[in-house]
């Protein structure tokens, strides 16, 4: 496995309170939260509903559609809150992918095996695992139809199907990824390929893109751009190439103005050429040309052609067909689940809840978002099942470990309004080595040993 062995470029300073907090989080990666039988037992008890409430729900059928991080976290937390809950999880895949690690695979920091888990080992105890794909939803009849044609009936349903890359969304993109000049981090094999393309790159035009619409982990296309530039610089190739970041957005971080103001000058100082309001419309493989539509602020449209020697083209994203073609979505949502973005309850079917990437909340589609949404989903689901109005509200909080260069990372959380959250801890506008270590060594442990078991 490739690792970053380069010397430090500088040494930052930070307050002791923050360093203690980071050591507490990263060193044990959640172990401290669970350490001590007494504390762990007390926390577990605090999550549970009462015996009377449990008796009332003993025959209720809870179904979770989707077994990635959103579905696993909700299922596990539901079992912790209600140990006798009858929970069925629908998920066809036997291998679980730690997708937040894909960028690090492409950057040569992780190996392939570092992001793969056995799905069976992650399942909460006491649940039924249906190893099939969802074919469609029939909410009027309270059932999910599977690919085999059989039905799974429910009293309460959580939709956690995520989103997928639409590799056919841009003309020539799929063909480009088959050539020795392009790769993409949203596919594990292609991400590994991209890592080798960068290592063998000798110079020329390096073009990275950012698509229209919702994006799974919107920071990732920028992270791989900046890490690639940093690698080329350390390899002594920076003077031999130009690095272009072409985005359909109007700026780097339009939803978080504070981060936008902090990041943009840092990136521009490194000579990375940002091109905004440029939408990748096609890739001409024969001439190695990326074709963009330039969208002017005045509504004008034009075409821009950029030749490339290294290309990281981004597809658009979509929800799985079972959701986007179902009655659970609505016009204008791009196939996403129609839910109230605060209660995470479906707007037309009050016994259906949504979590994670497939839900139309407007929040970033990241594991950090799920960490904040899962407790809200479970508590509001139990409220509904017990005949109470939903009591918890999701405020849009999400987070991003923004890898700006090898050994440096900016960490921040923000809400629906783009306001920074827990700034005392993150000192969000600073690039630090501590947060890099936490991203590389701590977050996966939190994902595996805190989120998936339902301790969030």
Protein backbone atom coordinates (compact mmCIF):
# COMPACT_ATOMS: atom_id res chain seq x y z
CA UNK A 1 0.00 0.00 0.00
CA UNK A 2 1.30 3.44 -0.89
CA UNK A 3 1.64 5.87 1.98
CA UNK A 4 2.59 9.49 2.37
CA UNK A 5 6.16 9.61 3.68
CA UNK A 6 6.98 13.15 2.71
CA UNK A 7 8.32 15.52 5.38
CA UNK A 8 6.02 18.00 7.02
CA UNK A 9 5.67 21.29 5.17
CA UNK A 10 5.08 23.20 8.32
CA UNK A 11 3.83 22.76 11.82
CA UNK A 12 0.58 24.34 12.94
CA UNK A 13 -0.52 25.16 16.46
CA UNK A 14 -3.86 24.76 18.14
CA UNK A 15 -5.40 25.06 21.56
CA UNK A 16 -4.98 22.30 24.11
CA UNK A 17 -8.72 21.78 24.48
CA UNK A 18 -8.98 20.98 20.81
CA UNK A 19 -5.97 18.66 20.87
CA UNK A 20 -7.40 16.72 23.81
CA UNK A 21 -10.71 16.41 22.01
CA UNK A 22 -9.03 15.14 18.85
CA UNK A 23 -6.90 12.66 20.76
CA UNK A 24 -10.03 11.43 22.51
CA UNK A 25 -11.85 10.95 19.20
CA UNK A 26 -9.11 9.65 16.92
CA UNK A 27 -7.01 7.67 19.35
CA UNK A 28 -9.79 5.35 20.30
CA UNK A 29 -12.07 6.16 17.35
CA UNK A 30 -15.14 5.75 19.47
CA UNK A 31 -13.72 3.25 21.95
CA UNK A 32 -13.70 5.83 24.72
CA UNK A 33 -17.38 6.48 24.12
CA UNK A 34 -18.11 2.82 24.78
CA UNK A 35 -15.41 2.12 27.34
CA UNK A 36 -16.39 1.09 30.81
CA UNK A 37 -19.17 -1.37 31.45
CA UNK A 38 -21.07 1.03 33.66
CA UNK A 39 -21.02 3.96 31.23
CA UNK A 40 -21.84 1.79 28.22
CA UNK A 41 -24.70 0.12 30.06
CA UNK A 42 -26.12 3.46 31.19
CA UNK A 43 -26.00 4.85 27.67
CA UNK A 44 -27.66 1.75 26.26
CA UNK A 45 -30.42 2.00 28.82
CA UNK A 46 -30.95 5.69 28.00
CA UNK A 47 -31.70 4.79 24.37
CA UNK A 48 -34.42 2.27 25.19
CA UNK A 49 -38.16 2.72 25.17
CA UNK A 50 -40.08 1.61 28.28
CA UNK A 51 -41.30 -1.94 28.86
CA UNK A 52 -44.90 -0.81 28.44
CA UNK A 53 -44.07 0.80 25.09
CA UNK A 54 -42.16 -2.30 23.99
CA UNK A 55 -45.15 -4.51 24.80
CA UNK A 56 -47.34 -2.22 22.69
CA UNK A 57 -44.99 -2.65 19.71
CA UNK A 58 -44.09 -6.32 20.08
CA UNK A 59 -45.99 -7.30 16.92
CA UNK A 60 -45.00 -4.29 14.79
CA UNK A 61 -43.09 -5.09 11.58
CA UNK A 62 -40.17 -2.73 10.86
CA UNK A 63 -38.58 -2.99 7.43
CA UNK A 64 -35.42 -1.21 6.28
CA UNK A 65 -34.88 -1.08 2.50
CA UNK A 66 -31.15 -0.74 1.88
CA UNK A 67 -28.21 -2.15 3.83
CA UNK A 68 -25.46 0.41 3.37
CA UNK A 69 -24.45 2.74 6.18
CA UNK A 70 -27.87 4.44 6.48
CA UNK A 71 -29.88 1.24 6.66
CA UNK A 72 -27.42 -0.53 8.96
CA UNK A 73 -27.24 2.40 11.39
CA UNK A 74 -31.01 2.79 11.62
CA UNK A 75 -31.58 -0.96 12.00
CA UNK A 76 -28.98 -1.24 14.75
CA UNK A 77 -30.19 1.80 16.63
CA UNK A 78 -33.78 0.58 16.39
CA UNK A 79 -32.71 -2.70 17.96
CA UNK A 80 -30.87 -0.86 20.71
CA UNK A 81 -33.88 1.34 21.43
CA UNK A 82 -36.26 -1.60 21.28
CA UNK A 83 -34.32 -4.89 21.73
CA UNK A 84 -37.37 -6.97 20.84
CA UNK A 85 -38.11 -5.14 17.60
CA UNK A 86 -38.95 -7.28 14.56
CA UNK A 87 -36.59 -5.72 12.02
CA UNK A 88 -36.12 -6.92 8.45
CA UNK A 89 -33.29 -5.49 6.34
CA UNK A 90 -33.43 -5.82 2.54
CA UNK A 91 -30.01 -5.76 0.89
CA UNK A 92 -28.67 -7.95 -1.95
CA UNK A 93 -24.95 -7.19 -1.59
CA UNK A 94 -22.70 -9.48 0.43
CA UNK A 95 -19.77 -7.04 0.48
CA UNK A 96 -20.09 -3.67 2.18
CA UNK A 97 -18.07 -0.78 0.77
CA UNK A 98 -16.65 1.95 2.99
CA UNK A 99 -17.24 4.58 0.34
CA UNK A 100 -15.73 7.53 2.27
CA UNK A 101 -12.42 5.73 1.71
CA UNK A 102 -12.62 5.62 -2.08
CA UNK A 103 -10.74 8.90 -2.47
CA UNK A 104 -7.93 7.59 -0.29
CA UNK A 105 -7.69 4.45 -2.43
CA UNK A 106 -7.31 6.58 -5.56
CA UNK A 107 -4.77 8.76 -3.73
CA UNK A 108 -2.64 5.75 -2.77
CA UNK A 109 -3.24 6.05 0.97
CA UNK A 110 -5.59 3.06 1.34
CA UNK A 111 -5.41 -0.33 -0.33
CA UNK A 112 -8.52 -1.87 -1.88
CA UNK A 113 -9.06 -4.22 1.05
CA UNK A 114 -9.15 -1.27 3.45
CA UNK A 115 -12.60 -0.26 2.21
CA UNK A 116 -14.30 -3.66 2.02
CA UNK A 117 -16.24 -5.41 4.80
CA UNK A 118 -18.19 -8.66 4.96
CA UNK A 119 -21.83 -7.54 5.05
CA UNK A 120 -22.83 -10.44 7.30
CA UNK A 121 -20.40 -9.30 9.99
CA UNK A 122 -21.98 -5.85 10.07
CA UNK A 123 -25.61 -6.89 10.53
CA UNK A 124 -27.20 -6.02 13.88
CA UNK A 125 -28.03 -9.09 15.94
CA UNK A 126 -31.61 -10.27 15.89
CA UNK A 127 -32.60 -8.88 12.48
CA UNK A 128 -33.79 -10.78 9.43
CA UNK A 129 -31.64 -10.25 6.34
CA UNK A 130 -33.44 -10.54 3.01
CA UNK A 131 -30.70 -10.91 0.40
CA UNK A 132 -32.60 -9.50 -2.55
CA UNK A 133 -32.97 -6.20 -4.35
CA UNK A 134 -36.05 -4.02 -4.09
CA UNK A 135 -38.09 -4.05 -7.29
CA UNK A 136 -40.79 -1.55 -6.33
CA UNK A 137 -42.79 -0.12 -3.45
CA UNK A 138 -46.50 -0.52 -2.80
CA UNK A 139 -47.15 1.92 0.05
CA UNK A 140 -50.93 1.71 -0.29
CA UNK A 141 -50.63 -1.99 0.62
CA UNK A 142 -47.73 -1.54 3.08
CA UNK A 143 -45.37 -3.83 1.26
CA UNK A 144 -42.11 -3.93 -0.69
CA UNK A 145 -41.88 -6.05 -3.83
CA UNK A 146 -38.57 -7.84 -4.33
CA UNK A 147 -36.75 -8.69 -7.56
CA UNK A 148 -37.94 -12.29 -7.23
CA UNK A 149 -41.55 -11.11 -7.18
CA UNK A 150 -42.15 -11.93 -3.54
CA UNK A 151 -43.41 -9.30 -1.11
CA UNK A 152 -42.20 -8.10 2.27
CA UNK A 153 -44.99 -6.55 4.33
CA UNK A 154 -44.39 -3.85 6.89
CA UNK A 155 -46.08 -1.62 9.41
CA UNK A 156 -43.23 0.90 9.27
CA UNK A 157 -40.69 1.33 6.49
CA UNK A 158 -37.33 3.10 6.34
CA UNK A 159 -36.02 3.80 2.82
CA UNK A 160 -32.22 3.87 2.72
CA UNK A 161 -31.39 2.95 -0.87
CA UNK A 162 -28.73 5.59 -1.44
CA UNK A 163 -27.84 6.96 -4.87
CA UNK A 164 -25.80 5.61 -7.77
CA UNK A 165 -23.51 7.05 -10.42
CA UNK A 166 -25.21 7.28 -13.81
CA UNK A 167 -22.29 6.40 -16.07
CA UNK A 168 -24.42 6.91 -19.17
CA UNK A 169 -25.47 10.44 -18.22
CA UNK A 170 -22.75 12.10 -20.32
CA UNK A 171 -21.96 11.19 -23.90
CA UNK A 172 -18.62 9.42 -24.22
CA UNK A 173 -17.90 9.34 -20.48
CA UNK A 174 -18.14 5.57 -20.10
CA UNK A 175 -15.94 5.09 -23.17
CA UNK A 176 -13.37 7.54 -21.81
CA UNK A 177 -13.06 5.54 -18.61
CA UNK A 178 -11.99 2.51 -20.66
CA UNK A 179 -8.98 4.38 -22.04
CA UNK A 180 -5.55 4.80 -20.39
CA UNK A 181 -6.19 8.50 -19.83
CA UNK A 182 -9.20 8.61 -17.49
CA UNK A 183 -10.41 7.22 -14.19
CA UNK A 184 -13.01 8.01 -11.56
CA UNK A 185 -13.01 7.62 -7.78
CA UNK A 186 -16.73 6.75 -7.53
CA UNK A 187 -15.98 3.26 -8.85
CA UNK A 188 -13.46 1.26 -6.83
CA UNK A 189 -11.78 -0.38 -9.81
CA UNK A 190 -11.64 2.89 -11.73
CA UNK A 191 -10.30 4.67 -8.66
CA UNK A 192 -7.45 2.18 -8.41
CA UNK A 193 -6.77 2.74 -12.08
CA UNK A 194 -6.70 6.51 -11.57
CA UNK A 195 -4.11 6.10 -8.85
CA UNK A 196 -1.76 4.39 -11.33
CA UNK A 197 -2.52 6.94 -14.05
CA UNK A 198 -1.39 9.74 -11.73
CA UNK A 199 1.76 7.86 -10.71
CA UNK A 200 2.69 7.44 -14.37
CA UNK A 201 1.65 10.91 -15.53
CA UNK A 202 4.53 12.87 -17.02
CA UNK A 203 2.79 16.15 -17.70
CA UNK A 204 0.21 17.90 -19.83
CA UNK A 205 -3.39 18.91 -19.25
CA UNK A 206 -5.11 17.37 -16.19
CA UNK A 207 -8.86 18.00 -16.23
CA UNK A 208 -11.25 17.34 -13.33
CA UNK A 209 -15.00 17.95 -13.43
CA UNK A 210 -17.97 18.46 -11.10
CA UNK A 211 -21.50 17.65 -12.36
CA UNK A 212 -24.95 19.19 -12.16
CA UNK A 213 -27.55 17.92 -9.71
CA UNK A 214 -27.07 16.18 -6.39
CA UNK A 215 -23.69 14.58 -5.82
CA UNK A 216 -22.64 11.78 -3.51
CA UNK A 217 -20.02 13.35 -1.22
CA UNK A 218 -19.77 16.65 -3.04
CA UNK A 219 -16.32 17.36 -1.64
CA UNK A 220 -14.72 14.26 -3.18
CA UNK A 221 -14.21 15.65 -6.73
CA UNK A 222 -12.32 18.55 -5.21
CA UNK A 223 -10.30 16.37 -2.84
CA UNK A 224 -8.97 14.18 -5.64
CA UNK A 225 -8.14 17.27 -7.70
CA UNK A 226 -6.13 18.83 -4.90
CA UNK A 227 -4.40 15.61 -3.85
CA UNK A 228 -3.40 14.94 -7.45
CA UNK A 229 -1.97 18.44 -7.78
CA UNK A 230 -0.04 17.97 -4.54
CA UNK A 231 1.37 14.65 -5.71
CA UNK A 232 2.47 16.14 -9.04
CA UNK A 233 4.15 18.98 -7.16
CA UNK A 234 6.03 16.60 -4.86
CA UNK A 235 7.06 14.48 -7.86
CA UNK A 236 8.62 17.53 -9.52
CA UNK A 237 6.10 17.54 -12.36
CA UNK A 238 4.02 20.56 -11.47
CA UNK A 239 5.77 22.85 -13.94
CA UNK A 240 5.02 20.38 -16.72
CA UNK A 241 1.26 20.38 -16.34
CA UNK A 242 -1.86 22.47 -15.91
CA UNK A 243 -4.56 21.38 -13.49
CA UNK A 244 -8.15 22.37 -14.32
CA UNK A 245 -11.17 22.02 -12.04
CA UNK A 246 -14.31 22.52 -14.11
CA UNK A 247 -17.48 22.80 -12.06
CA UNK A 248 -21.15 23.23 -12.88
CA UNK A 249 -21.44 25.23 -9.66
CA UNK A 250 -20.88 28.97 -9.36
CA UNK A 251 -18.01 28.55 -6.85
CA UNK A 252 -16.14 25.91 -4.85
CA UNK A 253 -18.43 25.86 -1.79
CA UNK A 254 -21.54 27.91 -2.47
CA UNK A 255 -23.47 26.38 0.45
CA UNK A 256 -20.84 27.24 3.10
CA UNK A 257 -19.64 30.82 2.53
CA UNK A 258 -17.06 30.76 5.35
CA UNK A 259 -15.31 27.74 3.86
CA UNK A 260 -15.64 29.20 0.37
CA UNK A 261 -13.74 32.32 1.45
CA UNK A 262 -11.06 30.26 3.19
CA UNK A 263 -10.48 27.60 0.55
CA UNK A 264 -10.58 29.53 -2.71
CA UNK A 265 -7.45 31.65 -2.23
CA UNK A 266 -5.50 28.61 -0.97
CA UNK A 267 -6.34 26.69 -4.13
CA UNK A 268 -5.74 29.59 -6.47
CA UNK A 269 -2.34 30.18 -4.87
CA UNK A 270 -1.35 26.67 -5.95
CA UNK A 271 -2.07 27.51 -9.58
CA UNK A 272 -5.10 25.25 -9.91
CA UNK A 273 -7.35 26.75 -12.56
CA UNK A 274 -10.97 26.86 -11.45
CA UNK A 275 -13.62 27.13 -14.17
CA UNK A 276 -17.15 27.65 -12.87
CA UNK A 277 -20.56 27.22 -14.54
CA UNK A 278 -19.08 24.66 -16.91
CA UNK A 279 -21.10 21.48 -17.42
CA UNK A 280 -19.45 18.44 -18.99
CA UNK A 281 -21.68 17.49 -21.93
CA UNK A 282 -19.50 15.00 -23.81
CA UNK A 283 -16.06 13.42 -24.07
CA UNK A 284 -14.50 12.88 -27.48
CA UNK A 285 -12.22 9.92 -26.91
CA UNK A 286 -10.68 10.04 -30.41
CA UNK A 287 -9.21 13.51 -29.84
CA UNK A 288 -9.03 13.40 -26.01
CA UNK A 289 -11.31 16.40 -25.69
CA UNK A 290 -13.73 17.22 -22.87
CA UNK A 291 -16.64 19.28 -24.20
CA UNK A 292 -18.35 21.67 -21.79
CA UNK A 293 -21.39 23.90 -21.91
CA UNK A 294 -20.52 27.28 -20.43
CA UNK A 295 -23.46 28.85 -18.61
CA UNK A 296 -23.21 32.62 -18.36
CA UNK A 297 -24.61 34.57 -15.44
CA UNK A 298 -26.86 36.34 -17.96
CA UNK A 299 -28.36 33.03 -19.13
CA UNK A 300 -26.19 32.71 -22.21
CA UNK A 301 -24.81 29.35 -23.35
CA UNK A 302 -21.58 28.54 -25.12
CA UNK A 303 -19.26 25.62 -25.82
CA UNK A 304 -15.76 25.15 -24.44
CA UNK A 305 -13.43 22.35 -25.50
CA UNK A 306 -10.55 21.28 -23.29
CA UNK A 307 -7.96 18.78 -24.41
CA UNK A 308 -6.70 16.42 -21.74
CA UNK A 309 -3.84 14.06 -21.00
CA UNK A 310 -5.36 13.02 -17.67
CA UNK A 311 -9.11 13.14 -17.07
CA UNK A 312 -11.31 12.66 -14.02
CA UNK A 313 -14.81 13.04 -15.52
CA UNK A 314 -17.81 13.11 -13.18
CA UNK A 315 -21.12 11.46 -14.06
CA UNK A 316 -24.44 12.68 -12.77
CA UNK A 317 -26.11 10.78 -9.93
CA UNK A 318 -29.54 9.25 -9.56
CA UNK A 319 -31.53 7.21 -7.08
CA UNK A 320 -32.07 3.49 -7.82
CA UNK A 321 -34.83 2.73 -10.31
CA UNK A 322 -37.05 1.12 -7.66
CA UNK A 323 -37.31 4.51 -5.95
CA UNK A 324 -37.13 7.00 -8.82
CA UNK A 325 -39.94 5.22 -10.70
CA UNK A 326 -42.13 4.74 -7.61
CA UNK A 327 -44.93 6.76 -6.03
CA UNK A 328 -42.60 7.61 -3.14
CA UNK A 329 -40.94 10.41 -5.09
CA UNK A 330 -42.54 13.54 -6.57
CA UNK A 331 -42.07 15.93 -9.48
CA UNK A 332 -39.05 18.15 -9.13
CA UNK A 333 -37.16 15.87 -6.73
CA UNK A 334 -35.03 14.08 -9.31
CA UNK A 335 -36.28 10.70 -8.13
CA UNK A 336 -35.45 11.30 -4.49
CA UNK A 337 -37.68 10.22 -1.61
CA UNK A 338 -40.30 12.86 -0.79
CA UNK A 339 -39.93 13.56 2.93
CA UNK A 340 -40.13 16.41 5.40
CA UNK A 341 -36.51 17.47 5.73
CA UNK A 342 -36.77 18.04 9.47
CA UNK A 343 -38.81 15.06 10.70
CA UNK A 344 -37.61 12.75 7.88
CA UNK A 345 -41.18 11.42 7.58
CA UNK A 346 -42.70 10.90 4.13
CA UNK A 347 -45.06 13.73 3.23
CA UNK A 348 -47.87 11.44 2.04
CA UNK A 349 -47.23 8.15 3.81
CA UNK A 350 -46.69 8.79 7.55
CA UNK A 351 -45.43 5.26 8.26
CA UNK A 352 -42.51 5.69 5.83
CA UNK A 353 -39.22 7.37 6.76
CA UNK A 354 -36.08 8.23 4.83
CA UNK A 355 -32.39 8.40 5.68
CA UNK A 356 -29.24 9.22 3.78
CA UNK A 357 -28.48 9.89 0.15
CA UNK A 358 -31.82 8.89 -1.36
CA UNK A 359 -33.82 11.38 0.74
CA UNK A 360 -34.75 14.82 -0.60
CA UNK A 361 -33.60 16.90 2.37
CA UNK A 362 -31.18 19.24 0.59
CA UNK A 363 -28.42 18.12 2.97
CA UNK A 364 -25.10 16.80 1.61
CA UNK A 365 -25.10 13.12 0.70
CA UNK A 366 -22.43 11.88 3.11
CA UNK A 367 -21.96 9.47 6.00
CA UNK A 368 -21.68 12.50 8.28
CA UNK A 369 -25.24 13.43 7.32
CA UNK A 370 -26.46 9.93 8.16
CA UNK A 371 -24.78 10.12 11.56
CA UNK A 372 -27.04 13.06 12.38
CA UNK A 373 -30.18 11.75 10.66
CA UNK A 374 -30.29 8.20 12.04
CA UNK A 375 -31.22 9.12 15.64
CA UNK A 376 -33.96 11.43 14.34
CA UNK A 377 -35.40 8.70 12.11
CA UNK A 378 -35.48 6.10 14.89
CA UNK A 379 -37.01 8.37 17.52
CA UNK A 380 -39.65 9.73 15.16
CA UNK A 381 -40.41 6.24 13.88
CA UNK A 382 -41.00 5.02 17.45
CA UNK A 383 -43.05 8.13 18.23
CA UNK A 384 -45.26 7.39 15.24
CA UNK A 385 -45.60 3.73 16.13
CA UNK A 386 -46.64 4.70 19.67
CA UNK A 387 -49.24 7.17 18.43
CA UNK A 388 -47.28 10.31 19.21
CA UNK A 389 -46.30 13.14 16.88
CA UNK A 390 -42.62 13.11 15.80
CA UNK A 391 -40.54 14.72 18.55
CA UNK A 392 -37.11 15.11 16.94
CA UNK A 393 -36.02 17.52 14.21
CA UNK A 394 -33.02 17.26 11.91
CA UNK A 395 -31.36 20.66 11.48
CA UNK A 396 -29.37 19.81 8.36
CA UNK A 397 -26.07 19.27 10.14
CA UNK A 398 -23.48 17.48 8.07
CA UNK A 399 -19.72 17.46 7.91
CA UNK A 400 -16.75 17.26 5.59
CA UNK A 401 -13.12 16.22 6.07
CA UNK A 402 -11.71 18.29 3.22
CA UNK A 403 -8.38 16.81 2.11
CA UNK A 404 -6.50 19.79 0.71
CA UNK A 405 -3.11 18.10 0.26
CA UNK A 406 -1.27 15.02 1.50
CA UNK A 407 -0.95 15.32 5.26
CA UNK A 408 -3.35 18.27 5.54
CA UNK A 409 -7.09 18.41 6.04
CA UNK A 410 -9.78 20.93 6.93
CA UNK A 411 -12.64 19.57 9.05
CA UNK A 412 -16.00 21.26 9.46
CA UNK A 413 -19.68 20.73 10.18
CA UNK A 414 -22.49 22.97 8.96
CA UNK A 415 -26.28 23.17 9.00
CA UNK A 416 -29.03 23.90 6.47
CA UNK A 417 -28.19 27.61 6.49
CA UNK A 418 -24.47 27.04 5.89
CA UNK A 419 -23.55 28.04 9.44
CA UNK A 420 -20.53 26.30 10.95
CA UNK A 421 -21.23 23.94 13.86
CA UNK A 422 -18.84 23.06 16.73
CA UNK A 423 -16.29 25.56 15.50
CA UNK A 424 -14.50 25.47 18.88
CA UNK A 425 -13.37 21.95 18.02
CA UNK A 426 -12.79 22.06 14.29
CA UNK A 427 -11.22 25.48 13.70
CA UNK A 428 -12.63 24.83 10.27
CA UNK A 429 -10.68 27.24 8.11
CA UNK A 430 -7.28 25.77 9.01
CA UNK A 431 -5.45 22.98 7.21
CA UNK A 432 -3.99 20.68 9.88
CA UNK A 433 -2.09 17.41 10.10
CA UNK A 434 -4.19 16.34 13.07
CA UNK A 435 -7.37 16.27 11.00
CA UNK A 436 -5.57 14.37 8.25
CA UNK A 437 -4.66 11.68 10.77
CA UNK A 438 -8.21 11.62 12.05
CA UNK A 439 -9.63 11.23 8.53
CA UNK A 440 -7.19 8.46 7.61
CA UNK A 441 -7.06 6.54 10.90
CA UNK A 442 -10.05 7.59 13.00
CA UNK A 443 -13.15 8.03 10.87
CA UNK A 444 -13.23 4.47 9.54
CA UNK A 445 -13.15 3.15 13.11
CA UNK A 446 -16.00 5.44 14.07
CA UNK A 447 -17.92 4.27 11.01
CA UNK A 448 -17.34 0.60 11.79
CA UNK A 449 -17.53 0.51 15.58
CA UNK A 450 -19.85 3.40 16.46
CA UNK A 451 -22.19 4.17 13.56
CA UNK A 452 -22.88 0.68 12.24
CA UNK A 453 -23.59 -0.80 15.71
CA UNK A 454 -26.08 2.02 16.29
CA UNK A 455 -24.25 3.97 18.96
CA UNK A 456 -24.62 7.31 17.13
